[in-house]
Amino acid sequence: MNQETIKLRDAIRDADAVVVGAGAGLSTAAGLTYAGERFERHFADFIAKYGFTDMYSAGFYPFPTEEERWAYWSRHIWHNRYVDPPKDTYAKLLRLLDGKDFFVITTNVDHQFQRAGFPKGQLFYTQGDYGLWQCSKPCHNKTYDNHETVRQMVERQRDMHVPGELVPRCPVCGGPMSMNLRVDDTFVEDEGWHAAALRYRRFLERHEGLRVLFLELGVGGNTPAIIKYPFWRRTYSNPRATYACVNFGQVMTAREIADRSILVDGDIDAVLDELLEVRND
């Protein structure tokens, strides 16, 4: 265990509260990779037809029909939202936080925190959820669970098309449904989203001035304004707070809080193994 990991172990132990900020790197560490062998195994037909190189960019492709679009998206949703990840990285994180007062804010949309057993009341999914649909306009401010329809889409699709009757339609206006993902200004922030945002804000307010560890896991540079920059600002404004960044090849901090920052450059899953091993000794 290197010196920075030792510091992180001590910071978790001594914290009055831990605020976890999780990005895509955490799911990648759990094996939910969007390119390579996993992508090729589940999407060989789409790759052969369109030359797709990864799940992320493929999701933006303008498919010629809704039946083909949902054939792609149902598989994307199923394998990233409803199937257990190759590694138990999220479960390891939950064990590491056992006994601590914590809250999680994440830009991930794969629901892996709840699949691992994290309490829903301590989670804020800021960017949506693969398990939810919304009206694409949107004509109203509500989201809909998609598990059963997605399951049928995966099972019944043929030749890269789902049956027409499975294509989701808005129950209010009859227009096409879309994923509840923040990709533009049509993103629906439903009642559940606002309730989670309020719980997160109140958690931060309750712990102002205390020994708070802002633990950032796998957050890159795509959306720093959601987790990274707020974590830096809150650490700066609270002299008793500590900022920690764990990522593979992407660790950084602000100059103003460098003396209260812990930077662990490495595979998140392996780092959690180290921290758990020491905790169990």
C-alpha atoms as a PDB file:
ATOM      1  CA  MET A   1       0.000   0.000   0.000  1.00  0.00           C
ATOM      2  CA  ASN A   2       1.507   3.322  -1.061  1.00  0.00           C
ATOM      3  CA  GLN A   3       1.554   6.465   1.050  1.00  0.00           C
ATOM      4  CA  GLU A   4      -1.483   8.073  -0.598  1.00  0.00           C
ATOM      5  CA  THR A   5      -3.596   4.949  -0.085  1.00  0.00           C
ATOM      6  CA  ILE A   6      -2.582   4.901   3.575  1.00  0.00           C
ATOM      7  CA  LYS A   7      -3.707   8.525   3.858  1.00  0.00           C
ATOM      8  CA  LEU A   8      -7.032   7.594   2.271  1.00  0.00           C
ATOM      9  CA  ARG A   9      -7.520   4.738   4.720  1.00  0.00           C
ATOM     10  CA  ASP A  10      -6.939   7.105   7.624  1.00  0.00           C
ATOM     11  CA  ALA A  11      -9.203   9.789   6.137  1.00  0.00           C
ATOM     12  CA  ILE A  12     -12.094   7.343   5.794  1.00  0.00           C
ATOM     13  CA  ARG A  13     -11.574   6.130   9.359  1.00  0.00           C
ATOM     14  CA  ASP A  14     -11.461   9.644  10.840  1.00  0.00           C
ATOM     15  CA  ALA A  15     -14.235  11.279   8.814  1.00  0.00           C
ATOM     16  CA  ASP A  16     -17.495  12.361  10.419  1.00  0.00           C
ATOM     17  CA  ALA A  17     -19.108  11.899   7.006  1.00  0.00           C
ATOM     18  CA  VAL A  18     -18.101  10.714   3.547  1.00  0.00           C
ATOM     19  CA  VAL A  19     -19.500  12.231   0.366  1.00  0.00           C
ATOM     20  CA  VAL A  20     -18.824   9.906  -2.561  1.00  0.00           C
ATOM     21  CA  GLY A  21     -18.745  11.367  -6.045  1.00  0.00           C
ATOM     22  CA  ALA A  22     -18.703   8.629  -8.670  1.00  0.00           C
ATOM     23  CA  GLY A  23     -18.052   8.842 -12.392  1.00  0.00           C
ATOM     24  CA  ALA A  24     -17.754   6.449 -15.310  1.00  0.00           C
ATOM     25  CA  GLY A  25     -14.350   5.223 -14.149  1.00  0.00           C
ATOM     26  CA  LEU A  26     -15.971   3.402 -11.246  1.00  0.00           C
ATOM     27  CA  SER A  27     -18.183   1.338 -13.553  1.00  0.00           C
ATOM     28  CA  THR A  28     -15.231   0.724 -15.861  1.00  0.00           C
ATOM     29  CA  ALA A  29     -13.307  -0.637 -12.876  1.00  0.00           C
ATOM     30  CA  ALA A  30     -16.269  -2.952 -12.230  1.00  0.00           C
ATOM     31  CA  GLY A  31     -15.908  -4.346 -15.743  1.00  0.00           C
ATOM     32  CA  LEU A  32     -18.724  -2.402 -17.416  1.00  0.00           C
ATOM     33  CA  THR A  33     -16.525  -1.477 -20.353  1.00  0.00           C
ATOM     34  CA  TYR A  34     -18.081   0.130 -23.432  1.00  0.00           C
ATOM     35  CA  ALA A  35     -15.533  -1.063 -25.992  1.00  0.00           C
ATOM     36  CA  GLY A  36     -13.414  -4.113 -26.688  1.00  0.00           C
ATOM     37  CA  GLU A  37     -14.379  -7.730 -26.102  1.00  0.00           C
ATOM     38  CA  ARG A  38     -17.550  -7.027 -24.116  1.00  0.00           C
ATOM     39  CA  PHE A  39     -18.911  -4.697 -26.783  1.00  0.00           C
ATOM     40  CA  GLU A  40     -17.960  -7.085 -29.593  1.00  0.00           C
ATOM     41  CA  ARG A  41     -19.636 -10.024 -27.840  1.00  0.00           C
ATOM     42  CA  HIS A  42     -23.005  -8.335 -27.406  1.00  0.00           C
ATOM     43  CA  PHE A  43     -23.147  -6.173 -30.556  1.00  0.00           C
ATOM     44  CA  ALA A  44     -21.335  -8.128 -33.281  1.00  0.00           C
ATOM     45  CA  ASP A  45     -24.200  -7.681 -35.749  1.00  0.00           C
ATOM     46  CA  PHE A  46     -24.388  -3.903 -35.272  1.00  0.00           C
ATOM     47  CA  ILE A  47     -20.600  -3.654 -35.558  1.00  0.00           C
ATOM     48  CA  ALA A  48     -20.635  -5.641 -38.799  1.00  0.00           C
ATOM     49  CA  LYS A  49     -23.386  -3.479 -40.317  1.00  0.00           C
ATOM     50  CA  TYR A  50     -22.384  -0.009 -39.130  1.00  0.00           C
ATOM     51  CA  GLY A  51     -18.739  -0.251 -38.059  1.00  0.00           C
ATOM     52  CA  PHE A  52     -19.477   0.872 -34.508  1.00  0.00           C
ATOM     53  CA  THR A  53     -16.433   1.062 -32.239  1.00  0.00           C
ATOM     54  CA  ASP A  54     -18.063   1.428 -28.816  1.00  0.00           C
ATOM     55  CA  MET A  55     -21.424   1.468 -27.049  1.00  0.00           C
ATOM     56  CA  TYR A  56     -21.334   5.161 -26.223  1.00  0.00           C
ATOM     57  CA  SER A  57     -20.951   6.563 -29.737  1.00  0.00           C
ATOM     58  CA  ALA A  58     -23.294   3.903 -31.161  1.00  0.00           C
ATOM     59  CA  GLY A  59     -26.077   5.289 -28.981  1.00  0.00           C
ATOM     60  CA  PHE A  60     -26.066   8.538 -30.999  1.00  0.00           C
ATOM     61  CA  TYR A  61     -26.419   6.831 -34.381  1.00  0.00           C
ATOM     62  CA  PRO A  62     -29.532   7.908 -36.369  1.00  0.00           C
ATOM     63  CA  PHE A  63     -31.022   4.476 -36.933  1.00  0.00           C
ATOM     64  CA  PRO A  64     -33.424   4.354 -39.910  1.00  0.00           C
ATOM     65  CA  THR A  65     -36.321   2.861 -37.921  1.00  0.00           C
ATOM     66  CA  GLU A  66     -37.542   2.883 -34.346  1.00  0.00           C
ATOM     67  CA  GLU A  67     -37.556  -0.927 -34.388  1.00  0.00           C
ATOM     68  CA  GLU A  68     -33.829  -1.014 -35.122  1.00  0.00           C
ATOM     69  CA  ARG A  69     -33.044   1.810 -32.720  1.00  0.00           C
ATOM     70  CA  TRP A  70     -34.704  -0.039 -29.858  1.00  0.00           C
ATOM     71  CA  ALA A  71     -33.023  -3.305 -30.836  1.00  0.00           C
ATOM     72  CA  TYR A  72     -29.723  -1.548 -30.169  1.00  0.00           C
ATOM     73  CA  TRP A  73     -30.838   0.360 -27.105  1.00  0.00           C
ATOM     74  CA  SER A  74     -32.583  -2.579 -25.433  1.00  0.00           C
ATOM     75  CA  ARG A  75     -29.333  -4.539 -25.502  1.00  0.00           C
ATOM     76  CA  HIS A  76     -27.404  -1.504 -24.316  1.00  0.00           C
ATOM     77  CA  ILE A  77     -29.792  -1.034 -21.395  1.00  0.00           C
ATOM     78  CA  TRP A  78     -29.972  -4.719 -20.532  1.00  0.00           C
ATOM     79  CA  HIS A  79     -26.246  -5.373 -20.328  1.00  0.00           C
ATOM     80  CA  ASN A  80     -25.409  -2.141 -18.493  1.00  0.00           C
ATOM     81  CA  ARG A  81     -28.418  -1.832 -16.181  1.00  0.00           C
ATOM     82  CA  TYR A  82     -30.068  -5.188 -15.554  1.00  0.00           C
ATOM     83  CA  VAL A  83     -27.122  -7.621 -15.632  1.00  0.00           C
ATOM     84  CA  ASP A  84     -24.646  -7.862 -12.765  1.00  0.00           C
ATOM     85  CA  PRO A  85     -21.221  -6.385 -13.597  1.00  0.00           C
ATOM     86  CA  PRO A  86     -18.207  -8.686 -14.035  1.00  0.00           C
ATOM     87  CA  LYS A  87     -16.647  -7.455 -10.778  1.00  0.00           C
ATOM     88  CA  ASP A  88     -18.125  -6.684  -7.346  1.00  0.00           C
ATOM     89  CA  THR A  89     -16.470  -3.262  -7.162  1.00  0.00           C
ATOM     90  CA  TYR A  90     -19.614  -1.487  -5.979  1.00  0.00           C
ATOM     91  CA  ALA A  91     -20.178  -4.068  -3.251  1.00  0.00           C
ATOM     92  CA  LYS A  92     -16.590  -3.539  -2.093  1.00  0.00           C
ATOM     93  CA  LEU A  93     -17.208   0.182  -1.801  1.00  0.00           C
ATOM     94  CA  LEU A  94     -20.329  -0.448   0.273  1.00  0.00           C
ATOM     95  CA  ARG A  95     -18.356  -2.690   2.636  1.00  0.00           C
ATOM     96  CA  LEU A  96     -15.665  -0.035   2.938  1.00  0.00           C
ATOM     97  CA  LEU A  97     -18.278   2.542   3.960  1.00  0.00           C
ATOM     98  CA  ASP A  98     -19.940   0.254   6.486  1.00  0.00           C
ATOM     99  CA  GLY A  99     -20.596   2.174   9.692  1.00  0.00           C
ATOM    100  CA  LYS A 100     -19.925   5.584   8.121  1.00  0.00           C
ATOM    101  CA  ASP A 101     -22.387   8.399   7.564  1.00  0.00           C
ATOM    102  CA  PHE A 102     -22.297   8.786   3.790  1.00  0.00           C
ATOM    103  CA  PHE A 103     -24.078  10.035   0.702  1.00  0.00           C
ATOM    104  CA  VAL A 104     -23.412   9.317  -2.987  1.00  0.00           C
ATOM    105  CA  ILE A 105     -23.730  11.676  -5.934  1.00  0.00           C
ATOM    106  CA  THR A 106     -23.070  10.097  -9.315  1.00  0.00           C
ATOM    107  CA  THR A 107     -23.166  10.896 -13.004  1.00  0.00           C
ATOM    108  CA  ASN A 108     -23.461   7.166 -13.754  1.00  0.00           C
ATOM    109  CA  VAL A 109     -26.784   5.991 -15.128  1.00  0.00           C
ATOM    110  CA  ASP A 110     -26.351   2.224 -14.763  1.00  0.00           C
ATOM    111  CA  HIS A 111     -28.023   1.787 -11.342  1.00  0.00           C
ATOM    112  CA  GLN A 112     -25.071  -0.191 -10.011  1.00  0.00           C
ATOM    113  CA  PHE A 113     -25.143   1.418  -6.563  1.00  0.00           C
ATOM    114  CA  GLN A 114     -28.610   0.099  -5.841  1.00  0.00           C
ATOM    115  CA  ARG A 115     -27.809  -3.279  -7.400  1.00  0.00           C
ATOM    116  CA  ALA A 116     -24.946  -3.533  -4.895  1.00  0.00           C
ATOM    117  CA  GLY A 117     -27.214  -2.742  -1.945  1.00  0.00           C
ATOM    118  CA  PHE A 118     -26.664   0.981  -1.385  1.00  0.00           C
ATOM    119  CA  PRO A 119     -29.755   2.547   0.243  1.00  0.00           C
ATOM    120  CA  LYS A 120     -31.787   4.512  -2.290  1.00  0.00           C
ATOM    121  CA  GLY A 121     -32.187   7.364   0.177  1.00  0.00           C
ATOM    122  CA  GLN A 122     -28.441   7.988   0.122  1.00  0.00           C
ATOM    123  CA  LEU A 123     -28.084   8.227  -3.655  1.00  0.00           C
ATOM    124  CA  PHE A 124     -28.449  11.053  -6.150  1.00  0.00           C
ATOM    125  CA  TYR A 125     -28.312  10.045  -9.831  1.00  0.00           C
ATOM    126  CA  THR A 126     -27.873  13.459 -11.445  1.00  0.00           C
ATOM    127  CA  GLN A 127     -27.837  12.405 -15.091  1.00  0.00           C
ATOM    128  CA  GLY A 128     -30.703   9.935 -15.267  1.00  0.00           C
ATOM    129  CA  ASP A 129     -31.138   6.164 -15.280  1.00  0.00           C
ATOM    130  CA  TYR A 130     -30.982   3.542 -18.033  1.00  0.00           C
ATOM    131  CA  GLY A 131     -33.986   1.928 -16.360  1.00  0.00           C
ATOM    132  CA  LEU A 132     -36.293   4.871 -17.054  1.00  0.00           C
ATOM    133  CA  TRP A 133     -38.047   6.229 -20.114  1.00  0.00           C
ATOM    134  CA  GLN A 134     -39.622   9.625 -20.655  1.00  0.00           C
ATOM    135  CA  CYS A 135     -41.582  11.405 -23.341  1.00  0.00           C
ATOM    136  CA  SER A 136     -39.065  12.630 -25.920  1.00  0.00           C
ATOM    137  CA  LYS A 137     -40.684  16.091 -26.232  1.00  0.00           C
ATOM    138  CA  PRO A 138     -41.237  15.961 -23.181  1.00  0.00           C
ATOM    139  CA  CYS A 139     -44.943  16.698 -22.861  1.00  0.00           C
ATOM    140  CA  HIS A 140     -45.051  15.975 -19.123  1.00  0.00           C
ATOM    141  CA  ASN A 141     -42.673  15.644 -16.183  1.00  0.00           C
ATOM    142  CA  LYS A 142     -42.767  11.917 -15.442  1.00  0.00           C
ATOM    143  CA  THR A 143     -40.562   8.875 -16.026  1.00  0.00           C
ATOM    144  CA  TYR A 144     -41.461   5.220 -16.568  1.00  0.00           C
ATOM    145  CA  ASP A 145     -39.800   1.941 -15.561  1.00  0.00           C
ATOM    146  CA  ASN A 146     -38.703  -0.017 -18.630  1.00  0.00           C
ATOM    147  CA  HIS A 147     -37.511  -3.374 -17.239  1.00  0.00           C
ATOM    148  CA  GLU A 148     -40.240  -5.650 -18.571  1.00  0.00           C
ATOM    149  CA  THR A 149     -40.411  -4.076 -22.030  1.00  0.00           C
ATOM    150  CA  VAL A 150     -36.633  -4.074 -22.399  1.00  0.00           C
ATOM    151  CA  ARG A 151     -36.532  -7.734 -21.397  1.00  0.00           C
ATOM    152  CA  GLN A 152     -39.048  -8.547 -24.108  1.00  0.00           C
ATOM    153  CA  MET A 153     -37.157  -6.448 -26.650  1.00  0.00           C
ATOM    154  CA  VAL A 154     -33.960  -8.383 -25.989  1.00  0.00           C
ATOM    155  CA  GLU A 155     -35.685 -11.763 -26.126  1.00  0.00           C
ATOM    156  CA  ARG A 156     -37.916 -11.121 -29.147  1.00  0.00           C
ATOM    157  CA  GLN A 157     -35.724  -9.042 -31.469  1.00  0.00           C
ATOM    158  CA  ARG A 158     -34.790 -10.597 -34.805  1.00  0.00           C
ATOM    159  CA  ASP A 159     -32.414  -9.325 -37.482  1.00  0.00           C
ATOM    160  CA  MET A 160     -31.614  -6.265 -35.359  1.00  0.00           C
ATOM    161  CA  HIS A 161     -35.268  -5.213 -35.073  1.00  0.00           C
ATOM    162  CA  VAL A 162     -37.752  -5.405 -32.216  1.00  0.00           C
ATOM    163  CA  PRO A 163     -41.453  -6.110 -32.887  1.00  0.00           C
ATOM    164  CA  GLY A 164     -43.286  -2.890 -33.700  1.00  0.00           C
ATOM    165  CA  GLU A 165     -45.700  -3.295 -30.812  1.00  0.00           C
ATOM    166  CA  LEU A 166     -42.805  -3.041 -28.344  1.00  0.00           C
ATOM    167  CA  VAL A 167     -41.672   0.400 -29.546  1.00  0.00           C
ATOM    168  CA  PRO A 168     -42.483   2.664 -26.567  1.00  0.00           C
ATOM    169  CA  ARG A 169     -44.989   5.471 -26.997  1.00  0.00           C
ATOM    170  CA  CYS A 170     -45.793   8.287 -24.603  1.00  0.00           C
ATOM    171  CA  PRO A 171     -48.998   7.424 -22.702  1.00  0.00           C
ATOM    172  CA  VAL A 172     -50.027  11.092 -22.742  1.00  0.00           C
ATOM    173  CA  CYS A 173     -49.302  12.446 -26.214  1.00  0.00           C
ATOM    174  CA  GLY A 174     -48.632   9.238 -28.125  1.00  0.00           C
ATOM    175  CA  GLY A 175     -45.240  10.462 -29.356  1.00  0.00           C
ATOM    176  CA  PRO A 176     -41.999   8.503 -29.185  1.00  0.00           C
ATOM    177  CA  MET A 177     -40.369   7.804 -25.845  1.00  0.00           C
ATOM    178  CA  SER A 178     -36.678   8.373 -25.160  1.00  0.00           C
ATOM    179  CA  MET A 179     -34.145   7.462 -22.526  1.00  0.00           C
ATOM    180  CA  ASN A 180     -34.172   9.466 -19.299  1.00  0.00           C
ATOM    181  CA  LEU A 181     -30.598  10.636 -19.860  1.00  0.00           C
ATOM    182  CA  ARG A 182     -29.291  14.182 -19.666  1.00  0.00           C
ATOM    183  CA  VAL A 183     -28.087  14.664 -23.225  1.00  0.00           C
ATOM    184  CA  ASP A 184     -29.975  17.898 -23.987  1.00  0.00           C
ATOM    185  CA  ASP A 185     -32.578  20.265 -22.554  1.00  0.00           C
ATOM    186  CA  THR A 186     -35.393  17.692 -22.859  1.00  0.00           C
ATOM    187  CA  PHE A 187     -34.139  15.739 -19.816  1.00  0.00           C
ATOM    188  CA  VAL A 188     -36.964  15.163 -17.332  1.00  0.00           C
ATOM    189  CA  GLU A 189     -36.186  15.858 -13.689  1.00  0.00           C
ATOM    190  CA  ASP A 190     -39.094  13.967 -12.130  1.00  0.00           C
ATOM    191  CA  GLU A 191     -40.269  13.913  -8.506  1.00  0.00           C
ATOM    192  CA  GLY A 192     -37.719  11.242  -7.597  1.00  0.00           C
ATOM    193  CA  TRP A 193     -34.883  13.319  -9.047  1.00  0.00           C
ATOM    194  CA  HIS A 194     -35.880  16.411  -7.080  1.00  0.00           C
ATOM    195  CA  ALA A 195     -36.345  14.411  -3.863  1.00  0.00           C
ATOM    196  CA  ALA A 196     -32.830  12.970  -4.209  1.00  0.00           C
ATOM    197  CA  ALA A 197     -31.384  16.417  -4.931  1.00  0.00           C
ATOM    198  CA  LEU A 198     -33.019  17.750  -1.772  1.00  0.00           C
ATOM    199  CA  ARG A 199     -31.687  14.872   0.359  1.00  0.00           C
ATOM    200  CA  TYR A 200     -28.186  15.493  -0.977  1.00  0.00           C
ATOM    201  CA  ARG A 201     -28.357  19.226  -0.269  1.00  0.00           C
ATOM    202  CA  ARG A 202     -29.604  18.613   3.275  1.00  0.00           C
ATOM    203  CA  PHE A 203     -26.854  16.057   3.904  1.00  0.00           C
ATOM    204  CA  LEU A 204     -24.235  18.636   2.921  1.00  0.00           C
ATOM    205  CA  GLU A 205     -25.884  21.283   5.096  1.00  0.00           C
ATOM    206  CA  ARG A 206     -25.996  18.975   8.148  1.00  0.00           C
ATOM    207  CA  HIS A 207     -22.264  18.321   7.924  1.00  0.00           C
ATOM    208  CA  GLU A 208     -20.975  21.820   7.247  1.00  0.00           C
ATOM    209  CA  GLY A 209     -17.870  22.498   9.331  1.00  0.00           C
ATOM    210  CA  LEU A 210     -17.364  18.830  10.267  1.00  0.00           C
ATOM    211  CA  ARG A 211     -14.619  16.430   9.188  1.00  0.00           C
ATOM    212  CA  VAL A 212     -16.011  15.579   5.762  1.00  0.00           C
ATOM    213  CA  LEU A 213     -14.181  13.417   3.246  1.00  0.00           C
ATOM    214  CA  PHE A 214     -15.118  14.247  -0.334  1.00  0.00           C
ATOM    215  CA  LEU A 215     -14.211  10.978  -2.036  1.00  0.00           C
ATOM    216  CA  GLU A 216     -14.133  11.216  -5.822  1.00  0.00           C
ATOM    217  CA  LEU A 217     -14.019   7.905  -7.709  1.00  0.00           C
ATOM    218  CA  GLY A 218     -13.506   7.598 -11.449  1.00  0.00           C
ATOM    219  CA  VAL A 219     -14.539  11.127 -12.372  1.00  0.00           C
ATOM    220  CA  GLY A 220     -13.003  12.351 -15.629  1.00  0.00           C
ATOM    221  CA  GLY A 221     -13.017  15.723 -17.321  1.00  0.00           C
ATOM    222  CA  ASN A 222     -16.298  15.518 -19.253  1.00  0.00           C
ATOM    223  CA  THR A 223     -18.577  17.021 -16.600  1.00  0.00           C
ATOM    224  CA  PRO A 224     -16.340  18.498 -13.868  1.00  0.00           C
ATOM    225  CA  ALA A 225     -19.005  21.009 -12.812  1.00  0.00           C
ATOM    226  CA  ILE A 226     -21.180  18.258 -11.317  1.00  0.00           C
ATOM    227  CA  ILE A 227     -18.761  16.554  -8.912  1.00  0.00           C
ATOM    228  CA  LYS A 228     -15.129  17.633  -9.199  1.00  0.00           C
ATOM    229  CA  TYR A 229     -15.409  21.409  -8.970  1.00  0.00           C
ATOM    230  CA  PRO A 230     -18.102  21.394  -6.240  1.00  0.00           C
ATOM    231  CA  PHE A 231     -15.953  18.965  -4.208  1.00  0.00           C
ATOM    232  CA  TRP A 232     -12.975  21.300  -4.558  1.00  0.00           C
ATOM    233  CA  ARG A 233     -15.048  24.342  -3.525  1.00  0.00           C
ATOM    234  CA  ARG A 234     -16.567  22.614  -0.505  1.00  0.00           C
ATOM    235  CA  THR A 235     -13.176  21.343   0.640  1.00  0.00           C
ATOM    236  CA  TYR A 236     -11.750  24.842   0.289  1.00  0.00           C
ATOM    237  CA  SER A 237     -14.588  26.418   2.290  1.00  0.00           C
ATOM    238  CA  ASN A 238     -14.347  23.870   5.126  1.00  0.00           C
ATOM    239  CA  PRO A 239     -10.880  23.801   6.769  1.00  0.00           C
ATOM    240  CA  ARG A 240     -11.693  20.424   8.357  1.00  0.00           C
ATOM    241  CA  ALA A 241     -12.591  18.759   5.062  1.00  0.00           C
ATOM    242  CA  THR A 242     -10.409  16.483   2.943  1.00  0.00           C
ATOM    243  CA  TYR A 243     -10.596  15.840  -0.786  1.00  0.00           C
ATOM    244  CA  ALA A 244      -9.593  12.472  -2.226  1.00  0.00           C
ATOM    245  CA  CYS A 245      -9.387  11.509  -5.898  1.00  0.00           C
ATOM    246  CA  VAL A 246      -9.018   7.878  -6.967  1.00  0.00           C
ATOM    247  CA  ASN A 247      -8.729   7.230 -10.679  1.00  0.00           C
ATOM    248  CA  PHE A 248      -6.562   5.506 -13.247  1.00  0.00           C
ATOM    249  CA  GLY A 249      -4.317   8.078 -14.886  1.00  0.00           C
ATOM    250  CA  GLN A 250      -6.592  11.031 -14.135  1.00  0.00           C
ATOM    251  CA  VAL A 251      -5.871  12.381 -10.661  1.00  0.00           C
ATOM    252  CA  MET A 252      -5.684  16.090  -9.927  1.00  0.00           C
ATOM    253  CA  THR A 253      -6.623  18.706  -7.384  1.00  0.00           C
ATOM    254  CA  ALA A 254      -6.818  22.459  -7.008  1.00  0.00           C
ATOM    255  CA  ARG A 255      -3.697  24.285  -5.835  1.00  0.00           C
ATOM    256  CA  GLU A 256      -5.634  25.943  -2.989  1.00  0.00           C
ATOM    257  CA  ILE A 257      -6.469  22.580  -1.350  1.00  0.00           C
ATOM    258  CA  ALA A 258      -3.347  20.612  -2.272  1.00  0.00           C
ATOM    259  CA  ASP A 259      -2.359  20.241   1.386  1.00  0.00           C
ATOM    260  CA  ARG A 260      -5.733  18.604   2.148  1.00  0.00           C
ATOM    261  CA  SER A 261      -5.904  16.403  -0.935  1.00  0.00           C
ATOM    262  CA  ILE A 262      -5.212  12.703  -1.407  1.00  0.00           C
ATOM    263  CA  LEU A 263      -4.456  11.544  -4.935  1.00  0.00           C
ATOM    264  CA  VAL A 264      -4.457   7.808  -5.646  1.00  0.00           C
ATOM    265  CA  ASP A 265      -3.557   6.949  -9.238  1.00  0.00           C
ATOM    266  CA  GLY A 266      -4.587   3.366  -9.876  1.00  0.00           C
ATOM    267  CA  ASP A 267      -7.300   0.868 -10.657  1.00  0.00           C
ATOM    268  CA  ILE A 268     -10.235   1.631  -8.353  1.00  0.00           C
ATOM    269  CA  ASP A 269     -11.120  -2.023  -7.845  1.00  0.00           C
ATOM    270  CA  ALA A 270      -7.555  -2.831  -6.767  1.00  0.00           C
ATOM    271  CA  VAL A 271      -7.437   0.192  -4.447  1.00  0.00           C
ATOM    272  CA  LEU A 272     -10.665  -0.911  -2.760  1.00  0.00           C
ATOM    273  CA  ASP A 273      -9.172  -4.383  -2.298  1.00  0.00           C
ATOM    274  CA  GLU A 274      -6.192  -2.849  -0.529  1.00  0.00           C
ATOM    275  CA  LEU A 275      -8.344  -0.683   1.717  1.00  0.00           C
ATOM    276  CA  LEU A 276     -10.608  -3.594   2.653  1.00  0.00           C
ATOM    277  CA  GLU A 277      -7.662  -5.887   3.346  1.00  0.00           C
ATOM    278  CA  VAL A 278      -6.190  -3.403   5.803  1.00  0.00           C
ATOM    279  CA  ARG A 279      -9.576  -2.759   7.398  1.00  0.00           C
ATOM    280  CA  ASN A 280     -10.154  -6.473   7.955  1.00  0.00           C
ATOM    281  CA  ASP A 281      -6.723  -7.081   9.545  1.00  0.00           C
END
